[in-house]
Protein backbone atom coordinates (compact mmCIF):
# COMPACT_ATOMS: atom_id res chain seq x y z
CA MET A 1 -170.02 105.44 81.53
CA LYS A 2 -166.83 103.68 80.24
CA MET A 3 -164.91 106.11 82.04
CA LEU A 4 -166.62 105.83 85.42
CA VAL A 5 -166.87 101.79 85.13
CA VAL A 6 -163.65 100.58 83.55
CA PRO A 7 -161.58 99.17 85.28
CA GLY A 8 -162.02 100.61 88.67
CA GLY A 9 -165.71 99.81 89.10
CA ILE A 10 -165.28 96.15 87.36
CA LEU A 11 -162.38 95.26 89.44
CA LEU A 12 -164.16 96.09 92.62
CA LEU A 13 -167.74 94.52 91.20
CA GLY A 14 -165.76 91.44 90.53
CA VAL A 15 -164.15 91.02 94.35
CA ALA A 16 -167.28 91.80 96.21
CA ALA A 17 -169.04 88.98 94.37
CA PHE A 18 -165.97 86.70 95.19
CA VAL A 19 -166.40 87.75 98.42
CA TYR A 20 -170.20 87.13 98.22
CA PHE A 21 -170.29 84.01 96.87
CA GLY A 22 -167.55 82.62 99.16
CA TRP A 23 -164.83 82.37 96.37
CA VAL A 24 -161.81 83.72 98.28
CA THR A 25 -160.48 80.69 99.53
CA LEU A 26 -156.86 82.07 99.36
CA ALA A 27 -154.87 81.44 102.78
CA PRO A 28 -154.45 84.86 104.34
CA GLN A 29 -150.73 84.67 104.36
CA ALA A 30 -151.44 84.31 100.04
CA LEU A 31 -153.55 87.53 100.26
CA VAL A 32 -150.97 89.40 101.66
CA PHE A 33 -148.58 88.62 99.71
CA LEU A 34 -150.83 89.83 97.36
CA TYR A 35 -151.54 93.11 98.42
CA TYR A 36 -147.48 93.92 98.84
CA CYS A 37 -146.82 93.05 95.40
CA ALA A 38 -149.75 95.18 94.25
CA ILE A 39 -148.76 98.31 96.69
CA ALA A 40 -144.90 97.22 95.40
CA GLY A 41 -145.90 97.13 91.93
CA GLY A 42 -148.14 100.12 91.77
CA MET A 43 -145.32 102.47 93.72
CA LEU A 44 -142.67 101.23 91.09
CA LEU A 45 -145.07 102.31 88.03
CA ALA A 46 -146.25 105.34 89.96
CA TRP A 47 -141.94 106.00 90.03
CA ARG A 48 -141.47 105.16 86.46
CA PHE A 49 -143.94 107.18 85.17
CA HIS A 50 -143.81 110.30 87.46
CA SER A 51 -147.25 109.75 88.36
CA SER A 52 -147.05 111.37 91.80
CA ARG A 53 -150.66 111.24 92.81
CA ALA A 54 -151.00 107.49 92.05
CA PHE A 55 -148.04 107.29 94.32
CA PHE A 56 -149.13 108.98 97.08
CA ALA A 57 -152.46 107.27 97.52
CA LEU A 58 -150.68 104.04 97.37
CA LEU A 59 -148.60 105.28 99.78
CA VAL A 60 -151.41 106.52 102.20
CA VAL A 61 -153.42 103.19 101.73
CA PHE A 62 -150.24 100.88 102.85
CA LEU A 63 -149.74 103.47 105.93
CA ALA A 64 -153.12 103.14 107.13
CA GLN A 65 -153.52 99.47 106.43
CA GLN A 66 -150.32 99.03 108.61
CA ALA A 67 -151.76 101.41 111.62
CA THR A 68 -155.02 99.03 111.63
CA ALA A 69 -152.80 96.03 111.50
CA LEU A 70 -150.65 97.62 114.39
CA PHE A 71 -153.24 99.12 116.52
CA GLY A 72 -156.31 97.35 115.74
CA SER A 73 -155.54 93.37 116.40
CA PRO A 74 -157.83 92.93 118.16
CA LEU A 75 -160.50 95.25 117.65
CA GLY A 76 -161.48 95.65 121.46
CA ALA A 77 -164.51 97.87 122.62
CA PRO A 78 -165.43 101.23 121.85
CA GLY A 79 -162.37 103.67 123.23
CA SER A 80 -159.83 100.75 123.00
CA PRO A 81 -156.59 101.58 120.81
CA GLY A 82 -157.97 99.18 118.18
CA MET A 83 -160.93 100.86 117.29
CA ILE A 84 -159.47 104.26 117.98
CA ALA A 85 -156.82 103.46 115.28
CA LEU A 86 -159.91 102.51 112.98
CA ASP A 87 -161.81 105.05 113.25
CA ALA A 88 -158.63 107.47 112.79
CA VAL A 89 -158.02 105.83 109.63
CA ALA A 90 -161.60 105.71 108.00
CA PHE A 91 -161.61 109.61 108.65
CA LEU A 92 -158.05 110.31 107.49
CA VAL A 93 -157.77 108.17 104.43
CA PRO A 94 -161.11 110.17 102.44
CA LEU A 95 -159.61 113.39 103.26
CA ASP A 96 -156.13 112.38 102.22
CA PHE A 97 -157.50 111.32 98.70
CA VAL A 98 -159.30 114.48 98.54
CA VAL A 99 -156.31 116.55 99.19
CA ILE A 100 -154.36 113.81 96.66
CA ALA A 101 -157.28 114.48 93.91
CA VAL A 102 -156.64 118.83 93.93
CA MET A 103 -152.78 118.01 93.76
CA HIS A 104 -150.94 119.05 90.75
CA GLU A 105 -148.98 116.48 88.84
CA ARG A 106 -145.46 117.60 89.72
CA GLY A 107 -143.62 114.54 89.49
CA PHE A 108 -141.02 113.23 92.61
CA THR A 109 -139.15 116.55 92.75
CA SER A 110 -138.46 117.47 96.39
CA SER A 111 -140.57 120.96 96.57
CA ALA A 112 -143.62 118.32 95.84
CA ILE A 113 -142.86 115.51 97.94
CA ALA A 114 -141.68 117.24 100.88
CA PRO A 115 -144.67 118.92 102.21
CA VAL A 116 -147.06 115.37 101.56
CA GLY A 117 -144.34 113.59 103.56
CA LEU A 118 -144.71 116.20 106.11
CA PHE A 119 -148.59 115.61 106.05
CA LEU A 120 -148.83 112.00 106.13
CA PHE A 121 -145.99 111.88 109.02
CA VAL A 122 -147.82 114.53 111.09
CA GLN A 123 -151.00 112.17 110.70
CA GLY A 124 -149.08 109.11 111.92
CA VAL A 125 -147.68 110.42 114.85
CA VAL A 126 -151.29 111.46 115.59
CA VAL A 127 -152.55 108.50 115.41
CA ALA A 128 -149.91 106.61 117.32
CA VAL A 129 -150.22 109.18 119.95
CA LEU A 130 -153.79 108.69 120.49
CA CYS A 131 -153.83 105.01 120.37
CA HIS A 132 -150.94 104.80 122.79
CA GLY A 133 -152.83 107.09 124.97
CA ALA A 134 -156.01 104.79 124.96
CA GLU A 135 -156.79 101.90 127.62
CA ASP A 136 -159.03 99.21 126.71
CA PRO A 137 -161.57 99.11 128.95
CA LEU A 138 -161.65 95.31 128.34
CA PRO A 139 -159.39 92.55 129.80
CA HIS A 140 -156.85 90.92 127.49
CA SER A 141 -159.09 87.73 127.87
CA VAL A 142 -162.47 89.37 126.84
CA ARG A 143 -160.63 91.79 124.26
CA ALA A 144 -159.30 88.35 122.21
CA HIS A 145 -162.78 87.23 121.44
CA HIS A 146 -164.24 90.81 121.13
CA THR A 147 -164.40 90.56 117.44
CA ALA A 148 -167.84 91.61 114.94
CA ALA A 149 -168.63 90.94 111.36
CA ALA A 150 -169.13 94.59 110.73
CA VAL A 151 -167.44 97.61 112.18
CA PRO A 152 -169.35 100.50 113.08
CA TRP A 153 -168.33 103.78 112.79
CA PRO A 154 -169.42 107.07 114.12
CA GLN A 155 -171.56 109.65 112.20
CA PHE A 156 -168.12 112.17 111.71
CA VAL A 157 -166.75 109.43 109.90
CA TRP A 158 -169.80 108.08 107.90
CA PHE A 159 -169.91 112.15 106.90
CA THR A 160 -166.33 112.32 105.93
CA ILE A 161 -166.22 109.27 103.96
CA LEU A 162 -169.49 110.27 101.78
CA ALA A 163 -168.94 113.75 101.57
CA ALA A 164 -165.02 112.84 100.32
CA GLY A 165 -166.90 109.85 97.91
CA VAL A 166 -169.40 112.94 96.66
CA PHE A 167 -166.42 115.12 95.58
CA LEU A 168 -164.55 112.60 94.14
CA LEU A 169 -167.26 111.48 91.82
CA VAL A 170 -167.55 114.83 90.50
CA ARG A 171 -164.53 115.33 90.06
CA LEU A 172 -164.27 112.12 87.98
CA LEU A 173 -167.28 113.09 85.93
CA ARG A 174 -165.45 116.52 85.18
CA THR A 175 -162.20 115.72 84.65
CA ARG A 176 -162.27 112.16 83.04
CA LYS A 177 -158.83 111.23 84.13
CA PRO A 178 -158.07 107.53 84.94
CA VAL A 179 -156.30 108.68 88.21
CA ASP A 180 -159.54 110.53 89.60
CA GLY A 181 -161.88 107.05 88.80
CA ALA A 182 -158.76 105.12 90.72
CA LEU A 183 -158.78 107.77 93.87
CA PHE A 184 -162.45 107.50 94.00
CA TRP A 185 -162.92 103.05 93.41
CA SER A 186 -160.03 102.68 95.65
CA LEU A 187 -161.48 104.36 98.51
CA CYS A 188 -164.71 102.38 98.36
CA SER A 189 -162.98 99.26 98.10
CA PHE A 190 -160.63 100.95 101.23
CA CYS A 191 -163.51 101.64 103.02
CA LEU A 192 -165.06 98.28 102.18
CA SER A 193 -161.79 96.77 103.88
CA LEU A 194 -162.04 99.00 106.84
CA HIS A 195 -165.70 97.87 107.37
CA PHE A 196 -164.83 93.82 107.45
CA VAL A 197 -161.63 94.15 109.25
CA ALA A 198 -162.51 91.62 111.83
CA ALA A 199 -162.54 89.22 108.66
CA ALA A 200 -158.99 89.03 107.86
CA ARG A 201 -159.31 86.95 104.04
CA ILE A 202 -162.08 89.46 103.16
CA SER A 203 -160.38 92.58 105.00
CA ILE A 204 -156.81 91.95 103.05
CA ALA A 205 -159.04 90.87 99.57
CA TYR A 206 -160.54 94.70 99.52
CA VAL A 207 -157.28 96.36 100.83
CA ALA A 208 -155.27 94.64 97.73
CA THR A 209 -158.46 95.57 95.17
CA ALA A 210 -157.12 99.25 95.75
CA GLY A 211 -153.77 98.70 95.19
CA VAL A 212 -154.70 97.17 92.12
CA ILE A 213 -156.76 99.39 91.40
CA LEU A 214 -154.28 102.50 91.64
CA ALA A 215 -151.73 100.40 89.82
CA VAL A 216 -153.81 100.20 87.03
CA SER A 217 -154.58 103.28 86.61
CA ILE A 218 -151.21 104.67 85.96
CA ILE A 219 -151.42 101.92 83.25
CA GLU A 220 -154.33 103.41 81.89
CA THR A 221 -153.29 106.93 81.85
CA SER A 222 -149.64 105.55 79.73
CA TYR A 223 -152.15 104.36 77.35
CA LEU A 224 -154.47 107.71 77.12
CA LEU A 225 -151.07 109.75 76.50
CA ALA A 226 -149.91 107.50 73.80
CA TYR A 227 -153.26 107.45 72.25
CA HIS A 228 -155.26 110.38 72.90
CA ASP A 229 -154.97 114.07 72.21
CA GLU A 230 -154.26 115.45 76.02
CA LEU A 231 -155.68 118.89 74.69
CA THR A 232 -158.64 117.48 73.21
CA SER A 233 -159.63 113.77 74.43
CA LEU A 234 -159.86 113.15 71.05
CA PRO A 235 -157.90 109.80 70.02
CA SER A 236 -154.64 110.44 68.40
CA ARG A 237 -153.23 110.05 65.01
CA ARG A 238 -151.38 106.84 66.46
CA ALA A 239 -154.48 105.50 67.25
CA PHE A 240 -156.01 107.04 63.52
CA ASN A 241 -153.28 104.49 62.23
CA ASP A 242 -154.17 101.58 64.30
CA ALA A 243 -157.81 101.80 62.95
CA LEU A 244 -156.56 102.59 59.36
CA LEU A 245 -155.21 98.83 59.68
CA ARG A 246 -158.40 97.59 60.85
CA LEU A 247 -160.85 98.65 58.30
CA GLN A 248 -162.34 96.96 55.68
CA ASP A 249 -164.54 97.87 52.17
CA PRO A 250 -166.82 99.98 52.53
CA PHE A 251 -165.64 102.86 54.64
CA VAL A 252 -165.90 106.86 54.31
CA MET A 253 -163.16 109.25 55.34
CA ALA A 254 -163.96 113.05 56.11
CA ALA A 255 -161.43 115.59 56.57
CA VAL A 256 -161.95 118.36 59.29
CA ASP A 257 -160.36 121.35 59.01
CA ILE A 258 -161.39 124.46 61.01
CA ASP A 259 -161.52 127.79 59.17
CA HIS A 260 -159.50 130.57 60.04
CA PHE A 261 -157.73 129.33 62.76
CA LYS A 262 -154.69 130.84 62.31
CA ARG A 263 -156.48 133.91 62.81
CA PHE A 264 -157.73 133.07 65.95
CA ASN A 265 -154.46 132.29 67.18
CA ASP A 266 -153.28 135.66 66.28
CA THR A 267 -155.99 138.24 66.63
CA HIS A 268 -156.97 136.11 70.35
CA GLY A 269 -153.51 134.46 71.58
CA HIS A 270 -153.11 130.62 71.25
CA GLU A 271 -155.26 129.99 74.60
CA THR A 272 -158.54 131.01 72.63
CA GLY A 273 -156.85 128.69 70.18
CA ASP A 274 -156.78 125.77 72.63
CA GLN A 275 -160.52 126.99 73.27
CA VAL A 276 -161.85 126.49 69.40
CA LEU A 277 -159.75 122.87 69.32
CA ARG A 278 -161.77 121.59 72.32
CA LEU A 279 -164.72 123.47 71.34
CA VAL A 280 -164.44 121.48 68.02
CA ALA A 281 -163.13 118.38 69.21
CA GLY A 282 -166.49 118.27 71.60
CA LYS A 283 -168.77 118.56 68.75
CA LEU A 284 -166.75 116.11 66.81
CA ALA A 285 -166.81 113.49 69.14
CA ARG A 286 -170.37 113.74 69.53
CA VAL A 287 -170.96 112.85 65.68
CA THR A 288 -173.61 110.75 64.71
CA GLY A 289 -173.89 107.82 61.81
CA GLY A 290 -171.78 105.50 63.27
CA GLY A 291 -168.29 107.88 63.22
CA GLN A 292 -164.88 107.79 65.13
CA ALA A 293 -163.24 111.64 65.42
CA TYR A 294 -159.35 111.67 65.55
CA ARG A 295 -157.19 114.80 66.08
CA CYS A 296 -154.52 114.16 63.40
CA GLY A 297 -152.32 117.37 63.92
CA GLY A 298 -152.99 121.12 64.54
CA GLU A 299 -156.72 121.97 63.57
CA GLU A 300 -157.04 118.98 61.30
CA PHE A 301 -159.19 116.16 61.96
CA THR A 302 -160.40 113.11 60.47
CA ILE A 303 -163.82 111.04 60.90
CA LEU A 304 -164.03 107.48 60.22
CA PHE A 305 -166.82 105.46 59.05
CA PRO A 306 -166.49 101.91 59.19
CA GLY A 307 -168.86 99.72 57.28
CA LYS A 308 -171.26 102.91 55.91
CA MET A 309 -171.54 104.03 52.21
CA ILE A 310 -170.91 108.06 51.16
CA GLY A 311 -174.45 108.74 51.40
CA GLU A 312 -175.29 107.39 54.41
CA VAL A 313 -173.28 109.84 56.55
CA VAL A 314 -173.26 113.41 54.64
CA GLU A 315 -176.45 114.42 56.25
CA HIS A 316 -174.76 113.69 59.82
CA LEU A 317 -171.92 115.42 58.86
CA GLU A 318 -174.03 118.53 57.82
CA ARG A 319 -175.77 118.15 60.81
CA LEU A 320 -172.22 118.23 62.77
CA ARG A 321 -171.16 121.35 60.94
CA GLU A 322 -174.30 123.05 61.34
CA ASN A 323 -174.04 121.93 65.44
CA ILE A 324 -170.58 123.56 65.00
CA GLU A 325 -171.66 127.00 63.19
CA ALA A 326 -174.27 127.34 66.13
CA ALA A 327 -171.95 127.02 69.12
CA GLU A 328 -170.28 130.13 70.68
CA PHE A 329 -168.38 130.74 73.68
CA GLN A 330 -167.46 134.32 74.81
CA VAL A 331 -163.29 135.76 74.92
CA ARG A 332 -161.94 138.35 77.26
CA SER A 333 -160.85 140.70 75.78
CA ALA A 334 -156.46 141.08 76.12
CA ASP A 335 -157.10 144.59 75.75
CA ARG A 336 -158.70 145.22 79.47
CA ARG A 337 -155.84 142.82 80.59
CA GLN A 338 -153.27 144.83 79.14
CA ASN A 339 -155.04 148.13 80.57
CA ALA A 340 -155.35 146.60 83.69
CA ARG A 341 -151.88 145.90 83.55
CA GLY A 342 -150.97 149.21 82.40
CA ASN A 343 -153.08 150.76 85.27
CA VAL A 344 -151.23 149.40 87.71
CA GLY A 345 -147.86 149.99 86.53
CA ALA A 346 -148.76 153.68 86.48
CA ASP A 347 -149.90 153.65 89.94
CA GLN A 348 -146.43 152.15 91.09
CA ALA A 349 -144.97 154.30 88.92
CA GLY A 350 -146.64 157.40 89.98
CA LYS A 351 -146.61 156.48 93.96
CA GLY A 352 -142.79 155.79 93.41
CA ASP A 353 -142.61 159.02 92.27
CA ASP A 354 -144.47 160.78 94.81
CA ARG A 355 -142.55 159.38 97.33
CA ARG A 356 -139.17 160.80 95.97
CA THR A 357 -140.91 164.29 95.82
CA GLY A 358 -142.67 163.96 99.40
CA ASP A 359 -145.75 165.45 98.33
CA ARG A 360 -147.75 162.53 99.71
CA ARG A 361 -151.34 164.25 99.49
CA LYS A 362 -150.86 164.17 95.34
CA VAL A 363 -150.35 160.76 96.32
CA ARG A 364 -153.57 160.32 97.61
CA THR A 365 -155.59 162.55 94.97
CA ARG A 366 -154.03 160.92 92.28
CA LYS A 367 -154.80 157.35 93.64
CA ARG A 368 -158.30 157.86 94.00
CA GLY A 369 -158.52 160.12 90.61
CA ARG A 370 -156.92 156.83 88.89
CA GLN A 371 -159.13 154.57 90.86
CA GLY A 372 -162.21 156.41 89.96
CA ASP A 373 -161.04 156.32 86.02
CA ALA A 374 -160.64 152.77 85.87
CA ILE A 375 -163.86 152.19 87.69
CA ARG A 376 -165.80 154.45 85.03
CA GLN A 377 -163.86 152.54 82.33
CA LEU A 378 -164.78 149.11 83.23
CA ALA A 379 -168.64 150.82 83.73
CA HIS A 380 -168.83 151.61 80.25
CA SER A 381 -166.90 149.07 78.70
CA GLN A 382 -168.97 146.68 76.10
CA PRO A 383 -168.67 143.45 76.59
CA ASP A 384 -166.92 141.06 74.12
CA ALA A 385 -169.03 139.86 71.38
CA PRO A 386 -169.15 135.95 71.45
CA LEU A 387 -167.35 134.28 68.72
CA SER A 388 -168.48 131.45 66.58
CA VAL A 389 -166.59 129.23 64.64
CA THR A 390 -167.06 127.12 60.97
CA VAL A 391 -165.07 124.13 59.44
CA SER A 392 -164.95 122.59 56.35
CA ILE A 393 -165.31 119.03 55.17
CA GLY A 394 -164.20 117.01 52.76
CA VAL A 395 -166.16 113.35 52.46
CA ALA A 396 -164.81 110.77 50.34
CA ALA A 397 -165.81 106.50 50.51
CA SER A 398 -163.76 103.59 49.25
CA THR A 399 -164.59 102.46 45.97
CA ALA A 400 -162.76 100.41 43.32
CA ASP A 401 -160.47 102.47 42.17
CA LYS A 402 -159.62 103.59 45.62
CA PRO A 403 -159.94 100.36 47.81
CA TYR A 404 -156.71 101.66 50.24
CA PRO A 405 -157.32 104.10 53.38
CA ASP A 406 -154.50 105.95 51.77
CA LEU A 407 -155.94 107.07 48.33
CA VAL A 408 -159.59 107.76 50.03
CA MET A 409 -157.61 109.91 52.03
CA GLU A 410 -156.02 111.47 49.51
CA ALA A 411 -159.53 112.09 47.65
CA ALA A 412 -161.12 113.47 51.27
CA ASP A 413 -158.32 116.18 51.43
CA LYS A 414 -158.74 117.28 47.52
CA ALA A 415 -162.61 117.70 48.58
CA LEU A 416 -161.86 119.64 51.96
CA TYR A 417 -159.36 122.21 49.81
CA ARG A 418 -162.17 122.35 47.31
CA ALA A 419 -164.58 123.41 50.23
CA LYS A 420 -162.24 126.02 51.11
CA ASP A 421 -161.91 127.42 47.68
CA ASN A 422 -165.69 127.35 47.49
CA GLY A 423 -166.14 129.78 50.73
CA ARG A 424 -165.37 127.53 53.88
CA ASN A 425 -168.24 126.30 56.04
CA ARG A 426 -169.42 123.55 53.73
CA VAL A 427 -169.66 119.68 52.86
CA GLU A 428 -167.76 118.30 49.66
CA VAL A 429 -168.05 114.95 48.24
CA ALA A 430 -164.96 113.74 46.24
CA ALA A 431 -166.17 113.28 42.76
CA PRO A 432 -166.45 109.70 41.46
CA ALA A 433 -163.13 108.87 39.44
CA ARG A 434 -165.07 108.27 36.40
CA ARG A 435 -166.72 111.38 35.78
CA ARG A 436 -162.87 113.13 36.77
CA SER A 437 -161.95 111.31 33.73
CA THR A 438 -164.77 112.06 31.71
CA ALA A 439 -164.53 115.60 32.00
CA LYS A 440 -161.03 115.59 31.39
CA ALA A 441 -161.75 113.64 28.35
CA SER A 442 -164.63 116.29 26.94
CA GLY A 443 -162.04 118.94 28.05
CA ILE A 444 -159.19 117.83 25.70
CA ALA A 445 -161.57 117.59 22.79
């Protein structure tokens, strides 16, 4: 819910409240200045942080608003250049946002910019031709007063907007990326600006909000890259270090390590290793008991429980360990991919040899035979067995002799090593210091 609403939903809701209660009292010229600041500032941020998707979305908003201002003031009746421009913009902007959403982030290379730039240029030419070729059915004197508080759209425009909105919302829920959230909320804000295009102050307020939402998403993306791990989406080591500065006694730390993680990488490849990391991170992100998980590096994770005693978190950690152990995932065997490549290479090599010998009948016979063998091999091949993952956990709490986070972390690491020595897939609690000193004294005696 936080990723869905913050910050785009909050910004749009705030502007909508100001519009509803009539608190937007700035002059249209001041609102236009703020709009240009939002667009220019967002484009500058997008260029600086190599966010081409946000840059193109801001460019689409700018071009659409310029087309509306150029041809749609005043609007006129249906079939007039103003209404044609409005319908074209309302139809094209959602489609452009969908295209931008599915684009890969490729920076500002010429190969990445040229196709999108050409695509937008063609759209602008089409809108200009349609508007210049249209004739206003109303006289100029009547058209100047032919405005409405809200502009109706054709059904196909409504369908395009709704379909694009649903697509962007589903994509946001799947990716949970700030740019995808900004595309959804900025589309909503821009459509509101078109809906109230006859009221200049309200329309400019909404289109400026669309630019601000896209600009803020660039800052949100930079924050996530700095404080969250890109692979697992968990808070990173920098966020962990910041959290340590705010810790107050009492607190509990749990060191989590994936068992035999190197074996997954060596046996199944690094792609499977990444899949294992994402699986474990997804379980750690839902740890109960008030804990917050962090990825500190490699297959090592840390869970902080502020304000908790060690007896309050052990049960939650045991439940977490069991959930990870019960989770399974399917891995496609590398042997199948290698066999497929080998069969394709053999077919190509055999085809080349038979071409040199000129025996075409042998080519067809051998090709059919290899295809039949491949089909029979796939039919009789056994499906890959699902893989399961386990973790070892070491737990330590702050005490009078360990009041500092680094000392607690050291104790949790020692408990983690003991969990691995005792067979892995278990939770070990750090022993109190007085017990260790008593045991050491008795051993000397």
